Amino acid sequence: MTLLLPPPTETNEWAPEAPAPALEPVRPAAPPPAPAGAPEADDPRARRRFNQADLVEIVGPVAAGIALSLLLRVVLDWDGIMGTFLWAVIGFMVTYWVLIQERLGRLQAADRLVTMMIWGTGVVAVAFLTWLVGFVIVKGVKALTPSFFTEDLSKTGPLNPGGGAFHALIGTIEQVGIATVVVVPIAILTAVYLNELKGRGSSVIRFTVDAVAGLPSIVAGLLIFTLWVAGHGFSGVACSAALAILMLPTVTRTSEEILRTVPGSLREASLALGAPRWKVVGMVVLPTARAGLLTAVILGIARAIGETAPALLTALGSARTNLNPFTGPQANLPLFVWSLIRTPNQTQIDRAWTGALVLLMLIFVLFTLARFLGNRSQKKLGRSR
């Protein structure tokens, strides 16, 4: 008996099917290269160049504002410079708004007007500060001689040339120095408690510090006058106590903000290695924020170095050099300026302006140093300004 078998086929039905070939993802075509000088793709707004149309849009409103202010000055018989300036600004703003709205629309007009107001405010502020500093320099440079830093007024009459502010410089250094020595450890420890420990009394302490920061300086002087000067007499250390009250909130709040800039990863890494909290604060947090803490101290010194009312009620002032801040009245630079500027004598007034110039130079140096240390602290923490 013969069996008929089916003819063999080319494929085996029991063999597994071959996997389908994987499809390659379709990649978008690369954008064409941008031309040279074009803004980057992630730039939200391209910088607009100043062209001739912008110049006309500024010069025209300026002329219109000046013409309006002069017209009102003539018609209404004004003599004040401030009113003339304000009306010139108003005329400029209105004319500028109308021109931009007619050419570009209301939205662009609002944007341009606000931008112009911001720039104008900045220019006015810088111009005013420049005028103020220049005025003090011109007035104070007349009596700025080497003897101004080496002599006092104990042997110099009101009409005699010479004399200086040596006694005031000594008093300023001693009074501010004592206040700084007292304030710095208290302020930094308070900032550590507020930012690192965050105890139960943190909110109360922070509220108290903020309240004292807004305290008028004369109130601090009255407080020390009542508690100390009334029974022990005027002295430089009494002025230091009043200045310490004014410096404490400034240094505390600034130090707290500086400690907040220290990355939390440094604390976590130190705690993970088994270091106790006090070592983390003393050997990691404070060394990292050292430059910022010095900035806080310098800002506190600059806050207190120019105060006159507390010194008037506590140190009283003197024309002689008093090297002992614990006994007797003592002068400082704010008292030196205040006492001489009130006299109807041009020689004394020139000395007062020179004292104001020296005081301005000291504050400028302190703020420059604070800015330098602040930038150094930001670079140390990996940030940039």
Protein backbone atom coordinates (compact mmCIF):
# COMPACT_ATOMS: atom_id res chain seq x y z
CA MET A 1 0.00 0.00 0.00
CA THR A 2 1.50 3.27 -1.04
CA LEU A 3 1.16 6.43 1.11
CA LEU A 4 0.86 9.75 -0.67
CA LEU A 5 2.70 12.49 1.21
CA PRO A 6 2.14 16.21 0.55
CA PRO A 7 4.88 17.94 -1.29
CA PRO A 8 7.40 19.63 0.89
CA THR A 9 6.99 23.36 1.46
CA GLU A 10 9.74 25.92 1.64
CA THR A 11 8.74 27.22 5.11
CA ASN A 12 8.32 25.29 8.32
CA GLU A 13 5.06 26.08 10.03
CA TRP A 14 6.49 25.05 13.37
CA ALA A 15 9.47 27.41 13.16
CA PRO A 16 9.10 30.67 15.02
CA GLU A 17 8.46 33.75 12.96
CA ALA A 18 11.36 36.11 12.44
CA PRO A 19 11.08 39.41 14.38
CA ALA A 20 10.07 42.42 12.42
CA PRO A 21 12.86 44.90 11.81
CA ALA A 22 12.98 47.78 14.28
CA LEU A 23 11.90 51.12 12.93
CA GLU A 24 14.40 53.93 13.38
CA PRO A 25 13.00 57.07 15.01
CA VAL A 26 12.42 59.93 12.70
CA ARG A 27 14.70 62.77 13.70
CA PRO A 28 13.74 66.31 12.85
CA ALA A 29 15.97 68.12 10.52
CA ALA A 30 18.50 70.40 12.16
CA PRO A 31 17.60 74.08 11.93
CA PRO A 32 19.74 76.17 9.65
CA PRO A 33 22.56 78.05 11.38
CA ALA A 34 21.66 81.50 12.56
CA PRO A 35 23.37 84.41 10.88
CA ALA A 36 26.17 86.19 12.65
CA GLY A 37 24.97 88.76 15.16
CA ALA A 38 21.46 87.27 15.52
CA PRO A 39 20.06 86.81 19.08
CA GLU A 40 20.14 83.36 20.68
CA ALA A 41 17.10 81.08 20.50
CA ASP A 42 16.47 81.20 24.24
CA ASP A 43 16.70 84.97 24.37
CA PRO A 44 13.14 86.11 25.21
CA ARG A 45 13.62 89.50 23.67
CA ALA A 46 16.16 90.79 21.21
CA ARG A 47 17.94 93.96 22.17
CA ARG A 48 16.61 96.86 20.21
CA ARG A 49 19.07 99.31 18.78
CA PHE A 50 18.72 103.04 19.25
CA ASN A 51 17.89 104.59 15.88
CA GLN A 52 17.02 108.00 14.51
CA ALA A 53 13.29 107.57 15.10
CA ASP A 54 13.93 106.93 18.80
CA LEU A 55 16.05 110.07 18.96
CA VAL A 56 13.24 112.14 17.48
CA GLU A 57 10.72 110.58 19.85
CA ILE A 58 12.86 111.67 22.80
CA VAL A 59 14.04 115.09 21.65
CA GLY A 60 10.55 116.21 20.66
CA PRO A 61 8.89 115.44 24.02
CA VAL A 62 11.84 116.99 25.88
CA ALA A 63 11.40 120.22 23.94
CA ALA A 64 7.63 120.10 24.52
CA GLY A 65 8.08 119.59 28.26
CA ILE A 66 10.55 122.45 28.56
CA ALA A 67 8.29 124.74 26.53
CA LEU A 68 5.28 123.87 28.70
CA SER A 69 7.14 124.52 31.94
CA LEU A 70 8.55 127.84 30.70
CA LEU A 71 5.11 128.91 29.48
CA LEU A 72 3.53 128.17 32.85
CA ARG A 73 6.42 129.89 34.60
CA VAL A 74 5.83 133.07 32.60
CA VAL A 75 2.02 133.05 32.66
CA LEU A 76 1.66 132.14 36.34
CA ASP A 77 4.77 134.09 37.46
CA TRP A 78 6.51 131.14 39.12
CA ASP A 79 9.89 131.41 40.80
CA GLY A 80 10.37 127.88 42.09
CA ILE A 81 12.72 125.52 40.29
CA MET A 82 11.07 122.36 41.59
CA GLY A 83 7.65 123.24 40.15
CA THR A 84 9.19 124.10 36.79
CA PHE A 85 11.03 120.77 36.74
CA LEU A 86 7.93 118.76 37.64
CA TRP A 87 5.83 120.38 34.91
CA ALA A 88 8.62 119.77 32.40
CA VAL A 89 8.59 116.09 33.35
CA ILE A 90 4.79 115.92 33.06
CA GLY A 91 4.85 117.57 29.63
CA PHE A 92 7.57 115.19 28.47
CA MET A 93 5.68 112.09 29.65
CA VAL A 94 2.40 113.11 28.01
CA THR A 95 3.99 114.04 24.68
CA TYR A 96 6.12 110.89 24.66
CA TRP A 97 3.05 108.73 25.32
CA VAL A 98 1.11 110.33 22.47
CA LEU A 99 3.94 109.90 19.93
CA ILE A 100 4.60 106.25 20.79
CA GLN A 101 0.90 105.40 20.84
CA GLU A 102 0.33 106.89 17.42
CA ARG A 103 3.27 105.00 15.89
CA LEU A 104 3.41 101.65 17.73
CA GLY A 105 0.18 101.27 19.69
CA ARG A 106 -0.93 101.50 23.29
CA LEU A 107 0.96 98.43 24.58
CA GLN A 108 4.31 99.61 23.24
CA ALA A 109 3.59 103.10 24.52
CA ALA A 110 3.01 101.80 28.05
CA ASP A 111 6.20 99.72 27.91
CA ARG A 112 8.32 102.61 26.62
CA LEU A 113 6.83 105.05 29.13
CA VAL A 114 7.51 102.81 32.14
CA THR A 115 11.03 102.13 30.89
CA MET A 116 11.64 105.86 30.51
CA MET A 117 10.32 106.51 34.03
CA ILE A 118 12.66 103.89 35.51
CA TRP A 119 15.66 105.26 33.67
CA GLY A 120 14.72 108.81 34.59
CA THR A 121 14.37 107.97 38.27
CA GLY A 122 17.77 106.29 38.28
CA VAL A 123 19.41 109.24 36.52
CA VAL A 124 17.87 111.72 38.97
CA ALA A 125 18.99 109.66 41.98
CA VAL A 126 22.55 109.34 40.69
CA ALA A 127 22.66 113.03 39.78
CA PHE A 128 21.44 114.05 43.23
CA LEU A 129 23.98 111.85 45.02
CA THR A 130 26.76 113.11 42.76
CA TRP A 131 25.77 116.69 43.49
CA LEU A 132 25.63 115.98 47.24
CA VAL A 133 29.07 114.36 47.35
CA GLY A 134 30.55 117.06 45.12
CA PHE A 135 29.08 119.81 47.29
CA VAL A 136 30.62 118.31 50.44
CA ILE A 137 33.97 117.91 48.69
CA VAL A 138 34.02 121.50 47.44
CA LYS A 139 33.06 122.86 50.86
CA GLY A 140 35.34 120.60 52.89
CA VAL A 141 38.53 120.61 50.86
CA LYS A 142 39.35 124.20 51.93
CA ALA A 143 40.53 123.27 55.44
CA LEU A 144 41.76 119.76 54.63
CA THR A 145 45.41 119.95 55.70
CA PRO A 146 47.75 117.48 57.44
CA SER A 147 47.32 119.43 60.69
CA PHE A 148 43.60 118.67 60.60
CA PHE A 149 44.44 115.07 61.55
CA THR A 150 47.10 115.89 64.18
CA GLU A 151 45.73 118.87 66.16
CA ASP A 152 42.65 119.56 68.26
CA LEU A 153 40.83 122.81 69.07
CA SER A 154 42.01 123.22 72.66
CA LYS A 155 44.59 125.90 71.71
CA THR A 156 42.94 127.29 68.59
CA GLY A 157 40.55 130.22 68.69
CA PRO A 158 37.48 130.57 66.52
CA LEU A 159 39.18 133.12 64.27
CA ASN A 160 42.65 131.56 64.25
CA PRO A 161 43.72 129.35 61.36
CA GLY A 162 44.88 125.83 62.00
CA GLY A 163 43.41 123.38 64.45
CA GLY A 164 41.90 120.09 63.53
CA ALA A 165 39.75 117.14 64.48
CA PHE A 166 42.30 114.85 66.14
CA HIS A 167 40.21 114.74 69.32
CA ALA A 168 37.10 113.89 67.31
CA LEU A 169 38.87 111.11 65.40
CA ILE A 170 40.15 109.57 68.66
CA GLY A 171 36.67 109.74 70.17
CA THR A 172 35.06 108.16 67.10
CA ILE A 173 37.56 105.30 67.02
CA GLU A 174 37.21 104.55 70.74
CA GLN A 175 33.43 104.84 70.93
CA VAL A 176 32.69 102.83 67.81
CA GLY A 177 35.42 100.33 68.69
CA ILE A 178 33.98 99.60 72.14
CA ALA A 179 30.48 99.27 70.69
CA THR A 180 31.76 96.87 68.03
CA VAL A 181 33.56 94.66 70.55
CA VAL A 182 30.37 94.36 72.59
CA VAL A 183 27.94 93.93 69.70
CA VAL A 184 29.73 91.46 67.41
CA PRO A 185 29.67 88.33 69.62
CA ILE A 186 26.11 88.99 70.82
CA ALA A 187 24.80 89.64 67.31
CA ILE A 188 26.49 86.61 65.71
CA LEU A 189 25.41 84.24 68.49
CA THR A 190 21.86 85.56 68.18
CA ALA A 191 21.94 85.02 64.43
CA VAL A 192 23.20 81.46 64.96
CA TYR A 193 20.35 80.80 67.37
CA LEU A 194 17.77 82.20 64.96
CA ASN A 195 19.03 80.38 61.86
CA GLU A 196 20.76 77.22 63.08
CA LEU A 197 19.03 76.22 66.32
CA LYS A 198 15.60 77.77 65.63
CA GLY A 199 14.46 77.47 69.23
CA ARG A 200 11.08 78.28 70.67
CA GLY A 201 11.91 81.93 71.23
CA SER A 202 13.09 82.57 67.67
CA SER A 203 9.95 84.38 66.56
CA VAL A 204 9.92 86.60 69.64
CA ILE A 205 13.61 87.45 69.32
CA ARG A 206 13.29 88.18 65.61
CA PHE A 207 10.29 90.44 66.23
CA THR A 208 12.20 92.29 68.97
CA VAL A 209 15.24 92.76 66.76
CA ASP A 210 13.09 94.13 63.94
CA ALA A 211 11.36 96.51 66.34
CA VAL A 212 14.65 97.80 67.75
CA ALA A 213 15.98 98.27 64.19
CA GLY A 214 13.33 100.94 63.64
CA LEU A 215 14.08 102.69 66.95
CA PRO A 216 14.97 106.40 66.55
CA SER A 217 18.55 107.08 67.52
CA ILE A 218 17.59 109.78 70.00
CA VAL A 219 15.55 107.24 71.97
CA ALA A 220 18.69 105.14 72.46
CA GLY A 221 20.51 108.24 73.66
CA LEU A 222 17.69 109.11 76.09
CA LEU A 223 17.72 105.55 77.44
CA ILE A 224 21.46 105.63 78.22
CA PHE A 225 21.18 109.18 79.55
CA THR A 226 18.51 108.10 82.02
CA LEU A 227 20.19 104.87 83.10
CA TRP A 228 23.82 105.95 83.20
CA VAL A 229 24.66 109.57 82.39
CA ALA A 230 22.30 111.05 84.98
CA GLY A 231 24.22 109.30 87.78
CA HIS A 232 27.78 108.97 86.42
CA GLY A 233 28.22 111.90 84.04
CA PHE A 234 29.06 112.16 80.36
CA SER A 235 31.63 109.78 78.90
CA GLY A 236 32.65 108.05 75.74
CA VAL A 237 31.62 104.62 76.99
CA ALA A 238 28.08 105.91 77.52
CA CYS A 239 28.02 106.91 73.86
CA SER A 240 29.33 103.42 73.02
CA ALA A 241 26.37 101.89 74.86
CA ALA A 242 23.92 103.99 72.84
CA LEU A 243 25.68 103.10 69.60
CA ALA A 244 25.60 99.41 70.55
CA ILE A 245 21.82 99.57 70.81
CA LEU A 246 21.69 100.92 67.26
CA MET A 247 24.26 98.48 65.86
CA LEU A 248 22.85 95.30 67.40
CA PRO A 249 19.75 94.81 65.20
CA THR A 250 21.63 95.70 62.00
CA VAL A 251 24.44 93.22 62.60
CA THR A 252 22.03 90.53 63.85
CA ARG A 253 19.64 90.63 60.91
CA THR A 254 22.41 90.91 58.34
CA SER A 255 24.29 88.00 59.93
CA GLU A 256 21.14 85.89 59.90
CA GLU A 257 20.66 86.54 56.19
CA ILE A 258 24.30 85.67 55.55
CA LEU A 259 23.96 82.36 57.40
CA ARG A 260 20.95 81.51 55.23
CA THR A 261 23.14 81.65 52.14
CA VAL A 262 25.31 78.77 53.39
CA PRO A 263 24.17 75.64 51.46
CA GLY A 264 22.26 73.12 53.54
CA SER A 265 24.24 70.29 51.92
CA LEU A 266 27.30 71.32 53.94
CA ARG A 267 25.37 70.93 57.19
CA GLU A 268 23.84 67.62 56.11
CA ALA A 269 27.21 66.18 55.05
CA SER A 270 28.80 67.17 58.35
CA LEU A 271 25.95 65.70 60.38
CA ALA A 272 26.05 62.51 58.30
CA LEU A 273 29.72 62.07 59.20
CA GLY A 274 28.80 62.12 62.87
CA ALA A 275 29.80 65.67 63.80
CA PRO A 276 27.78 67.25 66.61
CA ARG A 277 25.72 70.36 65.94
CA TRP A 278 28.11 72.75 67.68
CA LYS A 279 31.03 71.53 65.58
CA VAL A 280 29.01 71.90 62.41
CA VAL A 281 28.24 75.50 63.30
CA GLY A 282 31.71 76.37 64.57
CA MET A 283 33.84 74.56 61.99
CA VAL A 284 31.67 74.51 58.86
CA VAL A 285 28.96 77.18 58.84
CA LEU A 286 30.79 80.13 60.41
CA PRO A 287 34.07 79.69 58.47
CA THR A 288 32.11 79.44 55.23
CA ALA A 289 30.21 82.66 56.00
CA ARG A 290 33.22 84.52 57.41
CA ALA A 291 33.42 87.17 54.70
CA GLY A 292 29.68 87.78 54.85
CA LEU A 293 29.76 88.16 58.63
CA LEU A 294 32.55 90.71 58.30
CA THR A 295 30.30 92.55 55.86
CA ALA A 296 27.52 92.58 58.46
CA VAL A 297 29.90 94.02 61.07
CA ILE A 298 31.08 96.75 58.69
CA LEU A 299 27.50 97.71 57.84
CA GLY A 300 26.75 97.98 61.57
CA ILE A 301 29.77 100.24 62.06
CA ALA A 302 28.70 102.44 59.15
CA ARG A 303 25.22 102.63 60.69
CA ALA A 304 26.56 103.95 64.00
CA ILE A 305 29.54 106.06 62.99
CA GLY A 306 27.48 109.03 61.82
CA GLU A 307 24.94 109.26 64.67
CA THR A 308 24.80 112.67 66.38
CA ALA A 309 21.78 112.60 68.72
CA PRO A 310 22.97 109.70 70.92
CA ALA A 311 26.45 111.23 71.18
CA LEU A 312 25.01 114.61 72.13
CA LEU A 313 23.10 113.08 75.06
CA THR A 314 25.87 110.76 76.24
CA ALA A 315 29.33 112.06 75.26
CA LEU A 316 28.45 115.79 75.10
CA GLY A 317 31.57 116.70 73.10
CA SER A 318 34.79 118.52 73.95
CA ALA A 319 37.45 120.68 72.31
CA ARG A 320 40.26 118.76 74.06
CA THR A 321 41.62 115.31 73.32
CA ASN A 322 40.28 112.83 75.88
CA LEU A 323 42.02 109.49 75.54
CA ASN A 324 40.06 107.90 78.39
CA PRO A 325 36.53 107.01 77.20
CA PHE A 326 35.41 106.05 80.71
CA THR A 327 35.59 109.49 82.31
CA GLY A 328 34.75 112.97 81.14
CA PRO A 329 33.11 114.34 77.99
CA GLN A 330 34.55 113.17 74.72
CA ALA A 331 34.15 114.39 71.15
CA ASN A 332 33.54 112.49 67.93
CA LEU A 333 33.16 113.49 64.30
CA PRO A 334 29.36 113.98 64.25
CA LEU A 335 29.57 116.16 67.37
CA PHE A 336 32.52 118.04 65.87
CA VAL A 337 30.49 118.90 62.76
CA TRP A 338 27.32 119.73 64.69
CA SER A 339 29.02 122.05 67.18
CA LEU A 340 31.01 124.02 64.59
CA ILE A 341 28.39 124.38 61.86
CA ARG A 342 26.15 126.31 64.29
CA THR A 343 28.69 129.08 64.97
CA PRO A 344 28.42 132.36 62.99
CA ASN A 345 32.05 132.13 61.96
CA GLN A 346 33.31 131.16 58.52
CA THR A 347 36.51 129.62 59.86
CA GLN A 348 34.57 127.28 62.13
CA ILE A 349 32.10 126.50 59.38
CA ASP A 350 34.96 125.52 57.06
CA ARG A 351 36.27 123.18 59.74
CA ALA A 352 32.80 121.68 60.10
CA TRP A 353 32.59 120.99 56.36
CA THR A 354 36.02 119.38 56.46
CA GLY A 355 34.87 117.17 59.32
CA ALA A 356 31.83 116.21 57.25
CA LEU A 357 34.13 115.36 54.33
CA VAL A 358 36.29 113.12 56.54
CA LEU A 359 33.18 111.42 57.90
CA LEU A 360 31.88 110.88 54.36
CA MET A 361 35.23 109.39 53.36
CA LEU A 362 35.14 106.97 56.30
CA ILE A 363 31.63 105.80 55.42
CA PHE A 364 32.59 105.44 51.75
CA VAL A 365 35.60 103.30 52.68
CA LEU A 366 33.47 101.13 54.98
CA PHE A 367 30.79 100.51 52.35
CA THR A 368 33.41 99.80 49.68
CA LEU A 369 35.05 97.27 51.98
CA ALA A 370 31.65 95.73 52.77
CA ARG A 371 30.90 95.43 49.04
CA PHE A 372 34.26 93.77 48.40
CA LEU A 373 33.81 91.28 51.23
CA GLY A 374 30.24 90.57 50.13
CA ASN A 375 31.37 89.71 46.60
CA ARG A 376 34.13 87.56 48.02
CA SER A 377 31.62 85.68 50.15
CA GLN A 378 29.35 85.06 47.15
CA LYS A 379 32.28 83.74 45.08
CA LYS A 380 33.29 81.45 47.93
CA LEU A 381 29.79 80.00 48.00
CA GLY A 382 29.84 79.41 44.25
CA ARG A 383 27.60 82.34 43.33
CA SER A 384 28.22 85.49 41.37
CA ARG A 385 26.64 88.91 41.31
